[in-house]
Amino acid sequence: MPAMDAYAPEPAPIVRRKAGHLVGAWRFLRDPKASLLGKVLLALAVVYVISPIDFLPDVAPVIGWIDDVIVMVIAGTYLFRSAQRYR
């Protein structure tokens, strides 16, 4: 009987690329030589999103989330660009 891995489908290219980004981000965060400023900025972005004090209050359902989304997009973009060499 053949091994089950022989029948496993190959992951789609986008899945491999996203997995590579996540692995690179994890290695970037774990590397003691990586930019401390970058790690602090990422932590501050997460704290800002979690914090009840925002530039735009979260009381308004959609408008209040816009600043949180903008902060996370900027932080995520920075993280994935910084982690390119760790992939």
Protein backbone atom coordinates (compact mmCIF):
# COMPACT_ATOMS: atom_id res chain seq x y z
CA MET A 1 0.00 0.00 0.00
CA PRO A 2 1.53 3.40 -0.98
CA ALA A 3 2.15 6.08 1.62
CA MET A 4 -0.59 8.64 2.18
CA ASP A 5 1.82 11.47 1.37
CA ALA A 6 1.94 10.29 -2.22
CA TYR A 7 -1.71 11.30 -2.57
CA ALA A 8 -1.45 14.62 -0.75
CA PRO A 9 -2.02 17.54 -3.11
CA GLU A 10 0.75 20.05 -3.58
CA PRO A 11 -0.07 23.35 -1.80
CA ALA A 12 -1.04 26.19 -4.08
CA PRO A 13 1.74 28.71 -4.80
CA ILE A 14 -0.02 31.42 -2.83
CA VAL A 15 -0.20 29.15 0.23
CA ARG A 16 3.54 28.48 0.01
CA ARG A 17 4.24 32.19 -0.38
CA LYS A 18 2.08 33.13 2.63
CA ALA A 19 3.67 30.37 4.70
CA GLY A 20 7.08 31.74 3.72
CA HIS A 21 6.05 35.21 4.91
CA LEU A 22 4.86 33.85 8.24
CA VAL A 23 8.04 31.84 8.76
CA GLY A 24 10.13 34.90 7.90
CA ALA A 25 8.15 37.08 10.30
CA TRP A 26 8.55 34.51 13.08
CA ARG A 27 12.31 34.29 12.50
CA PHE A 28 12.56 38.10 12.44
CA LEU A 29 10.77 38.39 15.78
CA ARG A 30 12.91 35.66 17.36
CA ASP A 31 16.27 36.93 16.08
CA PRO A 32 18.14 38.90 18.77
CA LYS A 33 20.14 40.72 16.07
CA ALA A 34 17.04 42.01 14.28
CA SER A 35 15.96 45.63 14.65
CA LEU A 36 14.76 46.31 18.18
CA LEU A 37 13.02 49.47 16.94
CA GLY A 38 11.00 47.40 14.46
CA LYS A 39 9.94 44.96 17.16
CA VAL A 40 8.93 47.80 19.49
CA LEU A 41 6.91 49.49 16.74
CA LEU A 42 5.07 46.25 16.04
CA ALA A 43 4.30 45.81 19.74
CA LEU A 44 3.05 49.41 19.94
CA ALA A 45 0.79 48.82 16.94
CA VAL A 46 -0.78 45.79 18.65
CA VAL A 47 -1.22 47.76 21.90
CA TYR A 48 -2.83 50.63 19.97
CA VAL A 49 -5.36 48.29 18.35
CA ILE A 50 -6.19 46.63 21.68
CA SER A 51 -6.29 49.89 23.62
CA PRO A 52 -9.66 51.55 24.21
CA ILE A 53 -8.03 54.96 23.61
CA ASP A 54 -7.94 55.65 19.86
CA PHE A 55 -7.59 58.57 17.49
CA LEU A 56 -11.09 57.75 16.24
CA PRO A 57 -13.27 56.23 19.01
CA ASP A 58 -14.51 52.69 18.40
CA VAL A 59 -18.04 53.71 19.40
CA ALA A 60 -18.92 54.34 15.77
CA PRO A 61 -18.90 50.83 14.27
CA VAL A 62 -17.10 51.33 10.96
CA ILE A 63 -15.48 54.74 11.29
CA GLY A 64 -13.94 53.82 14.64
CA TRP A 65 -12.20 50.78 13.16
CA ILE A 66 -10.56 52.64 10.28
CA ASP A 67 -7.59 53.90 12.32
CA ASP A 68 -7.04 50.42 13.77
CA VAL A 69 -7.01 48.88 10.29
CA ILE A 70 -4.60 51.54 9.00
CA VAL A 71 -2.20 50.98 11.91
CA MET A 72 -2.26 47.20 11.44
CA VAL A 73 -1.75 47.43 7.66
CA ILE A 74 1.27 49.70 8.15
CA ALA A 75 2.69 47.45 10.88
CA GLY A 76 2.08 44.27 8.85
CA THR A 77 3.67 45.76 5.76
CA TYR A 78 6.71 46.81 7.77
CA LEU A 79 6.96 43.36 9.37
CA PHE A 80 6.80 41.46 6.08
CA ARG A 81 9.27 43.80 4.37
CA SER A 82 11.68 43.57 7.30
CA ALA A 83 11.38 39.79 7.39
CA GLN A 84 12.20 39.23 3.68
CA ARG A 85 15.78 38.17 4.42
CA TYR A 86 14.59 35.64 7.03
CA ARG A 87 12.50 33.61 4.57
